[in-house]
């Protein structure tokens, strides 16, 4: 655009500002470079697979739960969630050992997960409480958790309804308290509330039988049942409520979400036996999609690293583990459970 004298107009600057001769072009070049870099950064922001490969590890996390995600005496993470994470690492990095795992306990850790980790094992309550719904995609179910009630083995109680009028220990303000209250309200029966703010105090009260029963997640109750200081105990069969824990990913990259989902599906569907009519193992749901950025043998690597879902469950939660839980709802549909995923019909 020309000025009054026919010359080009210079950029207007605030009063008192002066740009040395020749620096305008330099600043323009710098600005262009910054714009290009920002655009390139934005374009590459969704490539989680590329960043995982460059980093050399898959980062996973969840709330600590016995048999699902916990540390052993040496500080190493172990559990069903951890093995699923290892399966993902085997798929994309070639080794199930190339993972980093951490537990979420504080609100700050939950806030950080959407920026730092690649896979998160979360319940609906955790997603809602920490306002994560707009940042993550809930993927396939990896475990069906439940709220249950535990009583001493010598107790005559056979059903939760038999505890009408009895003292039941629970953590105040917890989701288990809500499940317990809802259960008895539905039966129009009453129970004696024994609230605690600390899990250790609650367990101590149950150990000395200040309450007739204790309520909690079934995985936590199974670990508490092993406490040598408490009474021999059994978990009542009917759950107060049932809820899934899903393998969630961030919303920024559909390719990565698909990789995580297909890995979980591979682990679950591989429990299907091979027959003359249907494929089993890695052939139950073979996935060869170049768009995923995985080679043809990725599913075999997953199963070699961690086994199928039944193997993982038995290792960390089943009868050969310290928790000694039945498969229950975590069996496949053919085994009476609710785990169901795509397979070749």
C-alpha atoms as a PDB file:
ATOM      1  CA  UNK A   1       0.000   0.000   0.000  1.00  0.00           C
ATOM      2  CA  UNK A   2       1.390   3.421  -0.990  1.00  0.00           C
ATOM      3  CA  UNK A   3       1.687   6.435   1.280  1.00  0.00           C
ATOM      4  CA  UNK A   4       0.823  10.062   0.436  1.00  0.00           C
ATOM      5  CA  UNK A   5       4.151  10.539  -1.318  1.00  0.00           C
ATOM      6  CA  UNK A   6       3.812   7.315  -3.327  1.00  0.00           C
ATOM      7  CA  UNK A   7       6.273   5.351  -1.138  1.00  0.00           C
ATOM      8  CA  UNK A   8       5.501   2.204   0.779  1.00  0.00           C
ATOM      9  CA  UNK A   9       4.004   2.570   4.225  1.00  0.00           C
ATOM     10  CA  UNK A  10       6.142   1.337   7.128  1.00  0.00           C
ATOM     11  CA  UNK A  11       4.544  -0.648   9.982  1.00  0.00           C
ATOM     12  CA  UNK A  12       3.148   1.667  12.653  1.00  0.00           C
ATOM     13  CA  UNK A  13       4.969   1.532  15.963  1.00  0.00           C
ATOM     14  CA  UNK A  14       4.022   2.964  19.367  1.00  0.00           C
ATOM     15  CA  UNK A  15       5.261   6.461  20.034  1.00  0.00           C
ATOM     16  CA  UNK A  16       8.905   6.468  20.984  1.00  0.00           C
ATOM     17  CA  UNK A  17       9.615   3.045  19.441  1.00  0.00           C
ATOM     18  CA  UNK A  18      12.169   2.742  16.680  1.00  0.00           C
ATOM     19  CA  UNK A  19      13.329  -0.310  14.740  1.00  0.00           C
ATOM     20  CA  UNK A  20      16.910  -0.154  13.475  1.00  0.00           C
ATOM     21  CA  UNK A  21      17.236  -0.066   9.689  1.00  0.00           C
ATOM     22  CA  UNK A  22      17.227  -3.569   8.175  1.00  0.00           C
ATOM     23  CA  UNK A  23      15.733  -5.253  11.239  1.00  0.00           C
ATOM     24  CA  UNK A  24      12.159  -5.233   9.937  1.00  0.00           C
ATOM     25  CA  UNK A  25      13.005  -7.870   7.338  1.00  0.00           C
ATOM     26  CA  UNK A  26      14.866  -9.910   9.975  1.00  0.00           C
ATOM     27  CA  UNK A  27      11.887  -9.795  12.357  1.00  0.00           C
ATOM     28  CA  UNK A  28       9.565 -10.843   9.535  1.00  0.00           C
ATOM     29  CA  UNK A  29      11.742 -13.860   8.760  1.00  0.00           C
ATOM     30  CA  UNK A  30      11.850 -14.853  12.455  1.00  0.00           C
ATOM     31  CA  UNK A  31       8.074 -14.547  12.669  1.00  0.00           C
ATOM     32  CA  UNK A  32       7.604 -16.778   9.618  1.00  0.00           C
ATOM     33  CA  UNK A  33       9.960 -19.398  11.062  1.00  0.00           C
ATOM     34  CA  UNK A  34       8.068 -19.395  14.363  1.00  0.00           C
ATOM     35  CA  UNK A  35       4.747 -19.825  12.578  1.00  0.00           C
ATOM     36  CA  UNK A  36       6.113 -22.778  10.565  1.00  0.00           C
ATOM     37  CA  UNK A  37       7.527 -24.402  13.695  1.00  0.00           C
ATOM     38  CA  UNK A  38       4.276 -23.977  15.589  1.00  0.00           C
ATOM     39  CA  UNK A  39       2.316 -25.485  12.717  1.00  0.00           C
ATOM     40  CA  UNK A  40       4.718 -28.418  12.486  1.00  0.00           C
ATOM     41  CA  UNK A  41       4.454 -28.939  16.244  1.00  0.00           C
ATOM     42  CA  UNK A  42       0.671 -28.922  16.094  1.00  0.00           C
ATOM     43  CA  UNK A  43       0.661 -31.352  13.178  1.00  0.00           C
ATOM     44  CA  UNK A  44       2.859 -33.805  15.061  1.00  0.00           C
ATOM     45  CA  UNK A  45       1.079 -33.421  18.396  1.00  0.00           C
ATOM     46  CA  UNK A  46      -1.257 -36.337  17.714  1.00  0.00           C
ATOM     47  CA  UNK A  47       1.410 -38.891  16.795  1.00  0.00           C
ATOM     48  CA  UNK A  48       1.568 -40.762  20.076  1.00  0.00           C
ATOM     49  CA  UNK A  49       3.065 -43.846  18.426  1.00  0.00           C
ATOM     50  CA  UNK A  50       5.981 -41.798  17.077  1.00  0.00           C
ATOM     51  CA  UNK A  51       6.631 -40.262  20.481  1.00  0.00           C
ATOM     52  CA  UNK A  52       6.441 -43.657  22.210  1.00  0.00           C
ATOM     53  CA  UNK A  53       8.970 -45.092  19.760  1.00  0.00           C
ATOM     54  CA  UNK A  54      11.274 -42.099  20.194  1.00  0.00           C
ATOM     55  CA  UNK A  55      10.978 -42.312  23.980  1.00  0.00           C
ATOM     56  CA  UNK A  56      11.446 -46.088  24.015  1.00  0.00           C
ATOM     57  CA  UNK A  57       8.815 -46.836  26.689  1.00  0.00           C
ATOM     58  CA  UNK A  58       5.026 -46.932  27.043  1.00  0.00           C
ATOM     59  CA  UNK A  59       3.771 -44.914  30.025  1.00  0.00           C
ATOM     60  CA  UNK A  60       0.733 -46.294  31.860  1.00  0.00           C
ATOM     61  CA  UNK A  61      -0.974 -45.476  35.128  1.00  0.00           C
ATOM     62  CA  UNK A  62      -3.943 -46.126  37.398  1.00  0.00           C
ATOM     63  CA  UNK A  63      -5.129 -46.072  40.976  1.00  0.00           C
ATOM     64  CA  UNK A  64      -3.412 -48.773  43.029  1.00  0.00           C
ATOM     65  CA  UNK A  65      -5.545 -51.899  43.422  1.00  0.00           C
ATOM     66  CA  UNK A  66      -4.468 -55.356  44.670  1.00  0.00           C
ATOM     67  CA  UNK A  67      -3.954 -57.772  41.800  1.00  0.00           C
ATOM     68  CA  UNK A  68      -4.463 -55.023  39.235  1.00  0.00           C
ATOM     69  CA  UNK A  69      -1.705 -52.499  39.905  1.00  0.00           C
ATOM     70  CA  UNK A  70       0.532 -52.616  42.973  1.00  0.00           C
ATOM     71  CA  UNK A  71       4.206 -52.602  43.870  1.00  0.00           C
ATOM     72  CA  UNK A  72       6.080 -55.570  45.257  1.00  0.00           C
ATOM     73  CA  UNK A  73       8.690 -55.487  48.010  1.00  0.00           C
ATOM     74  CA  UNK A  74      11.302 -54.175  45.553  1.00  0.00           C
ATOM     75  CA  UNK A  75       9.169 -51.353  44.234  1.00  0.00           C
ATOM     76  CA  UNK A  76       8.367 -53.096  40.935  1.00  0.00           C
ATOM     77  CA  UNK A  77       4.860 -52.720  39.538  1.00  0.00           C
ATOM     78  CA  UNK A  78       2.817 -55.875  39.055  1.00  0.00           C
ATOM     79  CA  UNK A  79      -0.790 -56.802  38.291  1.00  0.00           C
ATOM     80  CA  UNK A  80      -3.318 -57.270  35.507  1.00  0.00           C
ATOM     81  CA  UNK A  81      -3.219 -53.618  34.422  1.00  0.00           C
ATOM     82  CA  UNK A  82       0.567 -53.701  34.365  1.00  0.00           C
ATOM     83  CA  UNK A  83       0.560 -56.802  32.164  1.00  0.00           C
ATOM     84  CA  UNK A  84      -1.855 -55.150  29.728  1.00  0.00           C
ATOM     85  CA  UNK A  85       0.577 -52.232  29.575  1.00  0.00           C
ATOM     86  CA  UNK A  86       3.379 -54.707  28.909  1.00  0.00           C
ATOM     87  CA  UNK A  87       1.329 -56.227  26.097  1.00  0.00           C
ATOM     88  CA  UNK A  88       0.992 -52.802  24.467  1.00  0.00           C
ATOM     89  CA  UNK A  89       4.754 -52.286  24.767  1.00  0.00           C
ATOM     90  CA  UNK A  90       5.381 -55.672  23.148  1.00  0.00           C
ATOM     91  CA  UNK A  91       3.124 -54.678  20.270  1.00  0.00           C
ATOM     92  CA  UNK A  92       4.729 -51.325  19.491  1.00  0.00           C
ATOM     93  CA  UNK A  93       8.269 -51.614  20.885  1.00  0.00           C
ATOM     94  CA  UNK A  94       8.979 -55.335  20.596  1.00  0.00           C
ATOM     95  CA  UNK A  95       9.454 -55.942  24.343  1.00  0.00           C
ATOM     96  CA  UNK A  96       7.017 -56.142  27.233  1.00  0.00           C
ATOM     97  CA  UNK A  97       9.668 -54.789  29.589  1.00  0.00           C
ATOM     98  CA  UNK A  98       9.725 -51.336  28.040  1.00  0.00           C
ATOM     99  CA  UNK A  99       7.118 -49.652  30.216  1.00  0.00           C
ATOM    100  CA  UNK A 100       6.910 -47.007  32.910  1.00  0.00           C
ATOM    101  CA  UNK A 101       4.046 -47.323  35.394  1.00  0.00           C
ATOM    102  CA  UNK A 102       2.810 -45.071  38.163  1.00  0.00           C
ATOM    103  CA  UNK A 103      -0.084 -44.859  40.594  1.00  0.00           C
ATOM    104  CA  UNK A 104      -2.577 -42.010  40.771  1.00  0.00           C
ATOM    105  CA  UNK A 105      -3.451 -40.861  44.271  1.00  0.00           C
ATOM    106  CA  UNK A 106      -3.631 -37.066  44.364  1.00  0.00           C
ATOM    107  CA  UNK A 107      -5.701 -34.687  42.204  1.00  0.00           C
ATOM    108  CA  UNK A 108      -2.435 -33.294  40.820  1.00  0.00           C
ATOM    109  CA  UNK A 109      -1.428 -36.734  39.556  1.00  0.00           C
ATOM    110  CA  UNK A 110      -4.788 -37.151  37.843  1.00  0.00           C
ATOM    111  CA  UNK A 111      -4.402 -33.721  36.249  1.00  0.00           C
ATOM    112  CA  UNK A 112      -0.958 -34.649  34.950  1.00  0.00           C
ATOM    113  CA  UNK A 113      -1.968 -37.998  33.443  1.00  0.00           C
ATOM    114  CA  UNK A 114      -3.581 -36.481  30.342  1.00  0.00           C
ATOM    115  CA  UNK A 115      -0.320 -34.765  29.429  1.00  0.00           C
ATOM    116  CA  UNK A 116       2.268 -37.337  30.454  1.00  0.00           C
ATOM    117  CA  UNK A 117       0.945 -40.905  30.199  1.00  0.00           C
ATOM    118  CA  UNK A 118      -0.131 -42.941  27.172  1.00  0.00           C
ATOM    119  CA  UNK A 119      -2.650 -45.372  28.701  1.00  0.00           C
ATOM    120  CA  UNK A 120      -4.834 -44.980  31.799  1.00  0.00           C
ATOM    121  CA  UNK A 121      -6.890 -47.660  33.554  1.00  0.00           C
ATOM    122  CA  UNK A 122      -9.871 -45.765  34.963  1.00  0.00           C
ATOM    123  CA  UNK A 123     -13.363 -46.276  36.378  1.00  0.00           C
ATOM    124  CA  UNK A 124     -16.284 -44.070  35.486  1.00  0.00           C
ATOM    125  CA  UNK A 125     -16.201 -42.458  38.947  1.00  0.00           C
ATOM    126  CA  UNK A 126     -12.526 -41.584  38.530  1.00  0.00           C
ATOM    127  CA  UNK A 127     -13.211 -40.050  35.127  1.00  0.00           C
ATOM    128  CA  UNK A 128     -16.140 -38.041  36.476  1.00  0.00           C
ATOM    129  CA  UNK A 129     -14.599 -36.957  39.776  1.00  0.00           C
ATOM    130  CA  UNK A 130     -11.458 -35.599  38.097  1.00  0.00           C
ATOM    131  CA  UNK A 131     -13.318 -34.095  35.122  1.00  0.00           C
ATOM    132  CA  UNK A 132     -11.397 -36.111  32.528  1.00  0.00           C
ATOM    133  CA  UNK A 133     -14.242 -36.883  30.117  1.00  0.00           C
ATOM    134  CA  UNK A 134     -13.256 -34.160  27.653  1.00  0.00           C
ATOM    135  CA  UNK A 135      -9.632 -35.311  27.502  1.00  0.00           C
ATOM    136  CA  UNK A 136      -9.784 -39.100  27.206  1.00  0.00           C
ATOM    137  CA  UNK A 137     -11.445 -41.853  25.202  1.00  0.00           C
ATOM    138  CA  UNK A 138     -12.689 -44.761  27.360  1.00  0.00           C
ATOM    139  CA  UNK A 139     -11.543 -47.924  25.626  1.00  0.00           C
ATOM    140  CA  UNK A 140     -12.337 -51.620  26.145  1.00  0.00           C
ATOM    141  CA  UNK A 141     -12.970 -53.073  29.583  1.00  0.00           C
ATOM    142  CA  UNK A 142      -9.913 -54.711  31.126  1.00  0.00           C
ATOM    143  CA  UNK A 143     -11.473 -55.675  34.473  1.00  0.00           C
ATOM    144  CA  UNK A 144     -14.945 -55.781  35.996  1.00  0.00           C
ATOM    145  CA  UNK A 145     -14.604 -54.488  39.561  1.00  0.00           C
ATOM    146  CA  UNK A 146     -17.359 -54.763  42.168  1.00  0.00           C
ATOM    147  CA  UNK A 147     -18.325 -53.626  45.651  1.00  0.00           C
ATOM    148  CA  UNK A 148     -18.773 -56.591  47.971  1.00  0.00           C
ATOM    149  CA  UNK A 149     -19.198 -57.410  51.647  1.00  0.00           C
ATOM    150  CA  UNK A 150     -16.893 -59.644  53.697  1.00  0.00           C
ATOM    151  CA  UNK A 151     -17.793 -61.468  56.915  1.00  0.00           C
ATOM    152  CA  UNK A 152     -15.923 -63.858  59.257  1.00  0.00           C
ATOM    153  CA  UNK A 153     -15.953 -67.434  57.991  1.00  0.00           C
ATOM    154  CA  UNK A 154     -17.698 -68.541  61.191  1.00  0.00           C
ATOM    155  CA  UNK A 155     -20.580 -66.101  60.641  1.00  0.00           C
ATOM    156  CA  UNK A 156     -24.043 -67.497  59.928  1.00  0.00           C
ATOM    157  CA  UNK A 157     -24.540 -64.758  57.314  1.00  0.00           C
ATOM    158  CA  UNK A 158     -24.955 -66.127  53.799  1.00  0.00           C
ATOM    159  CA  UNK A 159     -26.304 -63.058  52.014  1.00  0.00           C
ATOM    160  CA  UNK A 160     -25.894 -59.309  52.415  1.00  0.00           C
ATOM    161  CA  UNK A 161     -29.572 -59.076  53.336  1.00  0.00           C
ATOM    162  CA  UNK A 162     -28.848 -61.272  56.373  1.00  0.00           C
ATOM    163  CA  UNK A 163     -26.896 -58.340  57.831  1.00  0.00           C
ATOM    164  CA  UNK A 164     -30.064 -56.361  58.560  1.00  0.00           C
ATOM    165  CA  UNK A 165     -29.538 -54.501  61.834  1.00  0.00           C
ATOM    166  CA  UNK A 166     -25.848 -55.488  62.044  1.00  0.00           C
ATOM    167  CA  UNK A 167     -22.810 -53.216  62.245  1.00  0.00           C
ATOM    168  CA  UNK A 168     -21.025 -52.787  58.915  1.00  0.00           C
ATOM    169  CA  UNK A 169     -17.668 -50.991  58.574  1.00  0.00           C
ATOM    170  CA  UNK A 170     -17.174 -48.675  55.587  1.00  0.00           C
ATOM    171  CA  UNK A 171     -15.103 -45.700  54.461  1.00  0.00           C
ATOM    172  CA  UNK A 172     -17.136 -42.537  54.827  1.00  0.00           C
ATOM    173  CA  UNK A 173     -17.758 -40.602  51.634  1.00  0.00           C
ATOM    174  CA  UNK A 174     -16.660 -43.523  49.460  1.00  0.00           C
ATOM    175  CA  UNK A 175     -18.463 -45.081  46.514  1.00  0.00           C
ATOM    176  CA  UNK A 176     -18.760 -48.284  48.570  1.00  0.00           C
ATOM    177  CA  UNK A 177     -20.828 -46.403  51.174  1.00  0.00           C
ATOM    178  CA  UNK A 178     -23.214 -45.288  48.428  1.00  0.00           C
ATOM    179  CA  UNK A 179     -23.508 -48.838  47.060  1.00  0.00           C
ATOM    180  CA  UNK A 180     -24.189 -50.274  50.511  1.00  0.00           C
ATOM    181  CA  UNK A 181     -26.826 -47.658  51.327  1.00  0.00           C
ATOM    182  CA  UNK A 182     -28.527 -48.153  47.959  1.00  0.00           C
ATOM    183  CA  UNK A 183     -28.617 -51.933  48.460  1.00  0.00           C
ATOM    184  CA  UNK A 184     -30.385 -51.769  51.828  1.00  0.00           C
ATOM    185  CA  UNK A 185     -32.693 -48.963  50.707  1.00  0.00           C
ATOM    186  CA  UNK A 186     -33.856 -51.153  47.825  1.00  0.00           C
ATOM    187  CA  UNK A 187     -34.687 -53.914  50.342  1.00  0.00           C
ATOM    188  CA  UNK A 188     -36.307 -51.437  52.775  1.00  0.00           C
ATOM    189  CA  UNK A 189     -34.034 -52.761  55.492  1.00  0.00           C
ATOM    190  CA  UNK A 190     -31.766 -51.010  57.958  1.00  0.00           C
ATOM    191  CA  UNK A 191     -28.178 -51.531  59.079  1.00  0.00           C
ATOM    192  CA  UNK A 192     -25.897 -49.997  61.710  1.00  0.00           C
ATOM    193  CA  UNK A 193     -23.412 -47.539  60.207  1.00  0.00           C
ATOM    194  CA  UNK A 194     -19.766 -47.848  61.306  1.00  0.00           C
ATOM    195  CA  UNK A 195     -17.991 -45.088  59.321  1.00  0.00           C
ATOM    196  CA  UNK A 196     -14.204 -44.632  59.154  1.00  0.00           C
ATOM    197  CA  UNK A 197     -12.036 -42.050  57.455  1.00  0.00           C
ATOM    198  CA  UNK A 198      -8.929 -44.265  57.270  1.00  0.00           C
ATOM    199  CA  UNK A 199      -8.747 -47.738  55.733  1.00  0.00           C
ATOM    200  CA  UNK A 200      -6.282 -48.966  58.375  1.00  0.00           C
ATOM    201  CA  UNK A 201      -8.604 -47.964  61.218  1.00  0.00           C
ATOM    202  CA  UNK A 202     -11.528 -49.645  59.487  1.00  0.00           C
ATOM    203  CA  UNK A 203      -9.598 -52.891  59.044  1.00  0.00           C
ATOM    204  CA  UNK A 204      -8.498 -52.825  62.702  1.00  0.00           C
ATOM    205  CA  UNK A 205     -12.129 -52.437  63.807  1.00  0.00           C
ATOM    206  CA  UNK A 206     -13.124 -55.423  61.689  1.00  0.00           C
ATOM    207  CA  UNK A 207     -10.205 -57.498  62.980  1.00  0.00           C
ATOM    208  CA  UNK A 208     -11.427 -57.151  66.578  1.00  0.00           C
ATOM    209  CA  UNK A 209     -15.057 -57.548  65.446  1.00  0.00           C
ATOM    210  CA  UNK A 210     -16.318 -54.093  66.389  1.00  0.00           C
ATOM    211  CA  UNK A 211     -18.383 -54.594  63.243  1.00  0.00           C
ATOM    212  CA  UNK A 212     -19.987 -57.735  61.844  1.00  0.00           C
ATOM    213  CA  UNK A 213     -18.925 -57.098  58.252  1.00  0.00           C
ATOM    214  CA  UNK A 214     -16.766 -54.865  56.103  1.00  0.00           C
ATOM    215  CA  UNK A 215     -17.502 -53.440  52.648  1.00  0.00           C
ATOM    216  CA  UNK A 216     -15.042 -52.616  49.862  1.00  0.00           C
ATOM    217  CA  UNK A 217     -13.914 -53.387  46.331  1.00  0.00           C
ATOM    218  CA  UNK A 218     -13.598 -57.122  45.856  1.00  0.00           C
ATOM    219  CA  UNK A 219      -9.887 -56.903  45.022  1.00  0.00           C
ATOM    220  CA  UNK A 220      -9.215 -54.945  48.234  1.00  0.00           C
ATOM    221  CA  UNK A 221     -11.317 -57.346  50.316  1.00  0.00           C
ATOM    222  CA  UNK A 222      -9.413 -60.307  48.858  1.00  0.00           C
ATOM    223  CA  UNK A 223      -6.141 -58.720  49.999  1.00  0.00           C
ATOM    224  CA  UNK A 224      -7.596 -57.870  53.442  1.00  0.00           C
ATOM    225  CA  UNK A 225      -8.738 -61.480  53.776  1.00  0.00           C
ATOM    226  CA  UNK A 226      -5.071 -62.496  53.874  1.00  0.00           C
ATOM    227  CA  UNK A 227      -4.380 -60.350  56.948  1.00  0.00           C
ATOM    228  CA  UNK A 228      -2.966 -62.692  59.599  1.00  0.00           C
ATOM    229  CA  UNK A 229      -4.269 -60.443  62.403  1.00  0.00           C
ATOM    230  CA  UNK A 230      -7.894 -60.645  61.361  1.00  0.00           C
ATOM    231  CA  UNK A 231     -10.452 -63.452  61.492  1.00  0.00           C
ATOM    232  CA  UNK A 232     -10.710 -66.067  58.783  1.00  0.00           C
ATOM    233  CA  UNK A 233     -13.093 -64.435  56.368  1.00  0.00           C
ATOM    234  CA  UNK A 234     -15.142 -65.012  53.229  1.00  0.00           C
ATOM    235  CA  UNK A 235     -16.560 -62.624  50.668  1.00  0.00           C
ATOM    236  CA  UNK A 236     -20.330 -62.820  50.200  1.00  0.00           C
ATOM    237  CA  UNK A 237     -21.211 -63.878  46.644  1.00  0.00           C
ATOM    238  CA  UNK A 238     -23.600 -61.140  45.522  1.00  0.00           C
ATOM    239  CA  UNK A 239     -22.069 -57.777  44.602  1.00  0.00           C
ATOM    240  CA  UNK A 240     -23.563 -54.494  45.770  1.00  0.00           C
ATOM    241  CA  UNK A 241     -22.620 -52.880  42.464  1.00  0.00           C
ATOM    242  CA  UNK A 242     -20.540 -53.745  39.415  1.00  0.00           C
ATOM    243  CA  UNK A 243     -18.475 -51.380  37.278  1.00  0.00           C
ATOM    244  CA  UNK A 244     -15.838 -51.662  34.540  1.00  0.00           C
ATOM    245  CA  UNK A 245     -12.263 -50.419  34.527  1.00  0.00           C
ATOM    246  CA  UNK A 246     -11.373 -49.374  30.989  1.00  0.00           C
ATOM    247  CA  UNK A 247      -8.127 -48.856  29.097  1.00  0.00           C
ATOM    248  CA  UNK A 248      -8.441 -45.153  28.291  1.00  0.00           C
ATOM    249  CA  UNK A 249      -6.337 -43.007  25.980  1.00  0.00           C
ATOM    250  CA  UNK A 250      -6.150 -39.320  25.173  1.00  0.00           C
ATOM    251  CA  UNK A 251      -8.437 -37.803  22.532  1.00  0.00           C
ATOM    252  CA  UNK A 252      -5.517 -36.454  20.474  1.00  0.00           C
ATOM    253  CA  UNK A 253      -4.726 -39.573  18.417  1.00  0.00           C
ATOM    254  CA  UNK A 254      -7.201 -42.103  17.056  1.00  0.00           C
ATOM    255  CA  UNK A 255      -4.425 -44.351  15.754  1.00  0.00           C
ATOM    256  CA  UNK A 256      -2.997 -44.794  19.255  1.00  0.00           C
ATOM    257  CA  UNK A 257      -6.461 -45.396  20.743  1.00  0.00           C
ATOM    258  CA  UNK A 258      -6.984 -48.118  18.127  1.00  0.00           C
ATOM    259  CA  UNK A 259      -3.629 -49.767  18.952  1.00  0.00           C
ATOM    260  CA  UNK A 260      -4.498 -49.908  22.658  1.00  0.00           C
ATOM    261  CA  UNK A 261      -8.018 -51.191  21.985  1.00  0.00           C
ATOM    262  CA  UNK A 262      -6.889 -53.915  19.553  1.00  0.00           C
ATOM    263  CA  UNK A 263      -4.191 -55.028  21.997  1.00  0.00           C
ATOM    264  CA  UNK A 264      -6.751 -55.519  24.773  1.00  0.00           C
ATOM    265  CA  UNK A 265      -9.072 -57.288  22.318  1.00  0.00           C
ATOM    266  CA  UNK A 266      -6.204 -59.567  21.255  1.00  0.00           C
ATOM    267  CA  UNK A 267      -5.509 -60.534  24.881  1.00  0.00           C
ATOM    268  CA  UNK A 268      -9.177 -61.292  25.612  1.00  0.00           C
ATOM    269  CA  UNK A 269     -10.110 -62.993  22.346  1.00  0.00           C
ATOM    270  CA  UNK A 270      -6.963 -65.160  22.428  1.00  0.00           C
ATOM    271  CA  UNK A 271      -8.538 -67.170  25.247  1.00  0.00           C
ATOM    272  CA  UNK A 272     -10.894 -68.625  22.646  1.00  0.00           C
ATOM    273  CA  UNK A 273      -9.667 -72.156  21.821  1.00  0.00           C
ATOM    274  CA  UNK A 274      -8.732 -73.243  18.317  1.00  0.00           C
ATOM    275  CA  UNK A 275     -11.286 -75.545  16.678  1.00  0.00           C
ATOM    276  CA  UNK A 276     -11.915 -76.839  13.181  1.00  0.00           C
ATOM    277  CA  UNK A 277     -14.579 -74.149  12.827  1.00  0.00           C
ATOM    278  CA  UNK A 278     -13.070 -71.118  14.576  1.00  0.00           C
ATOM    279  CA  UNK A 279      -9.634 -69.669  15.036  1.00  0.00           C
ATOM    280  CA  UNK A 280      -8.148 -69.481  18.497  1.00  0.00           C
ATOM    281  CA  UNK A 281      -5.271 -67.644  20.164  1.00  0.00           C
ATOM    282  CA  UNK A 282      -3.841 -64.912  17.942  1.00  0.00           C
ATOM    283  CA  UNK A 283      -6.072 -66.175  15.109  1.00  0.00           C
ATOM    284  CA  UNK A 284      -9.306 -65.535  17.018  1.00  0.00           C
ATOM    285  CA  UNK A 285      -9.188 -61.914  15.858  1.00  0.00           C
ATOM    286  CA  UNK A 286      -6.201 -61.414  13.536  1.00  0.00           C
ATOM    287  CA  UNK A 287      -5.484 -57.738  12.896  1.00  0.00           C
ATOM    288  CA  UNK A 288      -3.279 -56.795   9.959  1.00  0.00           C
ATOM    289  CA  UNK A 289      -3.840 -53.115   9.328  1.00  0.00           C
ATOM    290  CA  UNK A 290      -0.905 -51.118   8.016  1.00  0.00           C
ATOM    291  CA  UNK A 291      -2.642 -47.947   9.196  1.00  0.00           C
ATOM    292  CA  UNK A 292      -1.804 -48.968  12.773  1.00  0.00           C
ATOM    293  CA  UNK A 293       1.902 -48.803  12.048  1.00  0.00           C
ATOM    294  CA  UNK A 294       2.462 -52.345  13.369  1.00  0.00           C
ATOM    295  CA  UNK A 295       4.147 -55.281  11.684  1.00  0.00           C
ATOM    296  CA  UNK A 296       2.475 -58.594  10.892  1.00  0.00           C
ATOM    297  CA  UNK A 297       3.693 -60.375  14.055  1.00  0.00           C
ATOM    298  CA  UNK A 298       2.600 -57.833  16.655  1.00  0.00           C
ATOM    299  CA  UNK A 299      -0.208 -59.987  18.088  1.00  0.00           C
ATOM    300  CA  UNK A 300       2.094 -62.971  18.534  1.00  0.00           C
ATOM    301  CA  UNK A 301       4.512 -60.749  20.445  1.00  0.00           C
ATOM    302  CA  UNK A 302       1.722 -59.577  22.756  1.00  0.00           C
ATOM    303  CA  UNK A 303       0.688 -63.130  23.634  1.00  0.00           C
ATOM    304  CA  UNK A 304       4.290 -64.288  24.014  1.00  0.00           C
ATOM    305  CA  UNK A 305       4.946 -61.432  26.453  1.00  0.00           C
ATOM    306  CA  UNK A 306       1.888 -61.717  28.727  1.00  0.00           C
ATOM    307  CA  UNK A 307      -0.334 -64.619  27.599  1.00  0.00           C
ATOM    308  CA  UNK A 308      -4.088 -64.417  27.127  1.00  0.00           C
ATOM    309  CA  UNK A 309      -6.541 -62.865  29.590  1.00  0.00           C
ATOM    310  CA  UNK A 310      -7.056 -66.130  31.472  1.00  0.00           C
ATOM    311  CA  UNK A 311      -3.304 -66.486  31.984  1.00  0.00           C
ATOM    312  CA  UNK A 312      -3.011 -62.931  33.307  1.00  0.00           C
ATOM    313  CA  UNK A 313      -6.031 -63.255  35.613  1.00  0.00           C
ATOM    314  CA  UNK A 314      -4.809 -66.529  37.083  1.00  0.00           C
ATOM    315  CA  UNK A 315      -1.340 -65.100  37.651  1.00  0.00           C
ATOM    316  CA  UNK A 316      -2.455 -62.036  39.583  1.00  0.00           C
ATOM    317  CA  UNK A 317      -5.988 -62.645  40.868  1.00  0.00           C
ATOM    318  CA  UNK A 318      -6.926 -66.307  40.417  1.00  0.00           C
ATOM    319  CA  UNK A 319      -6.667 -69.412  42.551  1.00  0.00           C
ATOM    320  CA  UNK A 320      -2.904 -69.678  42.088  1.00  0.00           C
ATOM    321  CA  UNK A 321      -2.413 -66.078  43.301  1.00  0.00           C
ATOM    322  CA  UNK A 322      -2.533 -64.725  46.836  1.00  0.00           C
ATOM    323  CA  UNK A 323      -5.990 -63.183  46.211  1.00  0.00           C
ATOM    324  CA  UNK A 324      -7.593 -66.477  45.136  1.00  0.00           C
ATOM    325  CA  UNK A 325     -10.574 -64.918  43.374  1.00  0.00           C
ATOM    326  CA  UNK A 326     -12.920 -66.740  41.025  1.00  0.00           C
ATOM    327  CA  UNK A 327     -13.141 -65.453  37.464  1.00  0.00           C
ATOM    328  CA  UNK A 328     -16.773 -64.515  38.075  1.00  0.00           C
ATOM    329  CA  UNK A 329     -17.834 -61.612  35.867  1.00  0.00           C
ATOM    330  CA  UNK A 330     -14.306 -61.449  34.461  1.00  0.00           C
ATOM    331  CA  UNK A 331     -14.793 -64.706  32.611  1.00  0.00           C
ATOM    332  CA  UNK A 332     -15.614 -64.600  28.916  1.00  0.00           C
ATOM    333  CA  UNK A 333     -19.246 -64.949  27.934  1.00  0.00           C
ATOM    334  CA  UNK A 334     -18.838 -68.669  27.223  1.00  0.00           C
ATOM    335  CA  UNK A 335     -17.546 -69.067  30.788  1.00  0.00           C
ATOM    336  CA  UNK A 336     -20.483 -67.278  32.385  1.00  0.00           C
ATOM    337  CA  UNK A 337     -18.860 -63.829  32.597  1.00  0.00           C
ATOM    338  CA  UNK A 338     -19.407 -60.541  30.832  1.00  0.00           C
ATOM    339  CA  UNK A 339     -16.075 -60.028  29.046  1.00  0.00           C
ATOM    340  CA  UNK A 340     -16.936 -59.808  25.383  1.00  0.00           C
ATOM    341  CA  UNK A 341     -14.960 -58.375  22.503  1.00  0.00           C
ATOM    342  CA  UNK A 342     -14.888 -58.638  18.703  1.00  0.00           C
ATOM    343  CA  UNK A 343     -13.815 -61.976  17.238  1.00  0.00           C
ATOM    344  CA  UNK A 344     -14.355 -63.785  13.952  1.00  0.00           C
ATOM    345  CA  UNK A 345     -17.865 -65.258  14.308  1.00  0.00           C
END
